[in-house]
Amino acid sequence: MLGRKNTYPIKTNYGTFLCLFEPEKDMRGFAAEALEVQGAVSWGKNLTEAKRMIAEAIEGVIETRVLVRAETISANYQTSGFVYRRI
């Protein structure tokens, strides 16, 4: 595999994602990128570690997006002027 880019499906807690793995000669390991999750990139000393690390990166990106969306909704709700009163 050295010198060639390969794709593998990577299973995460949020589904399976196609990822690109490329040998890094300078760092003597593998760079990894999730093709379907923008911003999910990682690296590992070997292919096994790179697969594990990209799975963690994918999960981190997805979880961060969920938190940001929830905070945005909460902020919009608080500034909308709507007041909830329990009767």
Protein backbone atom coordinates (compact mmCIF):
# COMPACT_ATOMS: atom_id res chain seq x y z
CA MET A 1 0.00 0.00 0.00
CA LEU A 2 2.94 2.34 0.45
CA GLY A 3 2.74 5.23 -1.99
CA ARG A 4 -0.94 4.74 -2.91
CA LYS A 5 -4.12 6.35 -1.70
CA ASN A 6 -6.81 3.89 -0.62
CA THR A 7 -10.34 4.28 0.65
CA TYR A 8 -11.96 2.22 3.39
CA PRO A 9 -15.37 2.37 5.05
CA ILE A 10 -14.97 3.37 8.70
CA LYS A 11 -17.65 2.49 11.26
CA THR A 12 -18.45 5.06 13.95
CA ASN A 13 -21.18 5.57 16.54
CA TYR A 14 -22.99 7.69 13.92
CA GLY A 15 -22.78 5.42 10.90
CA THR A 16 -20.22 4.26 8.37
CA PHE A 17 -18.20 6.81 6.40
CA LEU A 18 -15.87 6.43 3.43
CA CYS A 19 -12.36 7.62 4.30
CA LEU A 20 -9.23 8.24 2.27
CA PHE A 21 -5.87 7.00 3.61
CA GLU A 22 -2.57 8.15 2.18
CA PRO A 23 0.94 7.10 3.26
CA GLU A 24 3.03 9.97 4.62
CA LYS A 25 6.68 9.34 3.85
CA ASP A 26 7.97 12.29 5.90
CA MET A 27 6.04 11.37 9.03
CA ARG A 28 6.20 7.60 8.45
CA GLY A 29 2.52 7.02 8.97
CA PHE A 30 -0.85 7.53 7.32
CA ALA A 31 -2.91 10.66 6.79
CA ALA A 32 -6.66 10.10 6.88
CA GLU A 33 -9.61 12.17 5.65
CA ALA A 34 -13.34 11.49 5.88
CA LEU A 35 -14.70 12.22 2.44
CA GLU A 36 -18.27 12.80 3.66
CA VAL A 37 -17.51 14.78 6.83
CA GLN A 38 -15.93 18.15 6.14
CA GLY A 39 -13.18 18.91 8.65
CA ALA A 40 -12.58 15.34 9.78
CA VAL A 41 -8.88 14.66 9.22
CA SER A 42 -6.36 12.68 11.24
CA TRP A 43 -3.10 10.77 11.21
CA GLY A 44 -1.75 7.50 12.58
CA LYS A 45 1.59 5.72 12.92
CA ASN A 46 0.16 2.78 10.98
CA LEU A 47 -3.04 2.05 9.07
CA THR A 48 -4.80 0.51 12.08
CA GLU A 49 -4.11 3.54 14.24
CA ALA A 50 -5.10 5.92 11.42
CA LYS A 51 -8.46 4.11 11.09
CA ARG A 52 -9.10 4.42 14.82
CA MET A 53 -8.08 8.08 14.87
CA ILE A 54 -10.25 9.07 11.89
CA ALA A 55 -13.25 7.39 13.53
CA GLU A 56 -12.65 9.58 16.61
CA ALA A 57 -12.24 12.67 14.40
CA ILE A 58 -15.53 11.97 12.60
CA GLU A 59 -17.37 11.53 15.89
CA GLY A 60 -15.81 14.73 17.24
CA VAL A 61 -16.86 16.78 14.21
CA ILE A 62 -20.42 15.44 14.34
CA GLU A 63 -20.74 16.01 18.09
CA THR A 64 -19.38 19.55 17.79
CA ARG A 65 -21.87 20.37 15.04
CA VAL A 66 -24.75 19.09 17.18
CA LEU A 67 -23.63 21.20 20.15
CA VAL A 68 -23.19 24.34 18.04
CA ARG A 69 -26.63 23.85 16.50
CA ALA A 70 -28.20 23.39 19.94
CA GLU A 71 -26.49 26.51 21.28
CA THR A 72 -27.63 28.52 18.26
CA ILE A 73 -31.22 27.37 18.68
CA SER A 74 -31.07 28.16 22.40
CA ALA A 75 -29.62 31.63 21.76
CA ASN A 76 -32.26 32.37 19.12
CA TYR A 77 -35.00 31.20 21.46
CA GLN A 78 -33.74 33.41 24.30
CA THR A 79 -33.54 36.52 22.10
CA SER A 80 -36.88 35.99 20.37
CA GLY A 81 -38.82 37.70 23.14
CA PHE A 82 -40.93 34.61 23.74
CA VAL A 83 -41.53 33.96 27.42
CA TYR A 84 -42.66 30.59 28.64
CA ARG A 85 -44.84 30.73 31.71
CA ARG A 86 -46.05 27.73 33.57
CA ILE A 87 -49.71 27.95 34.58
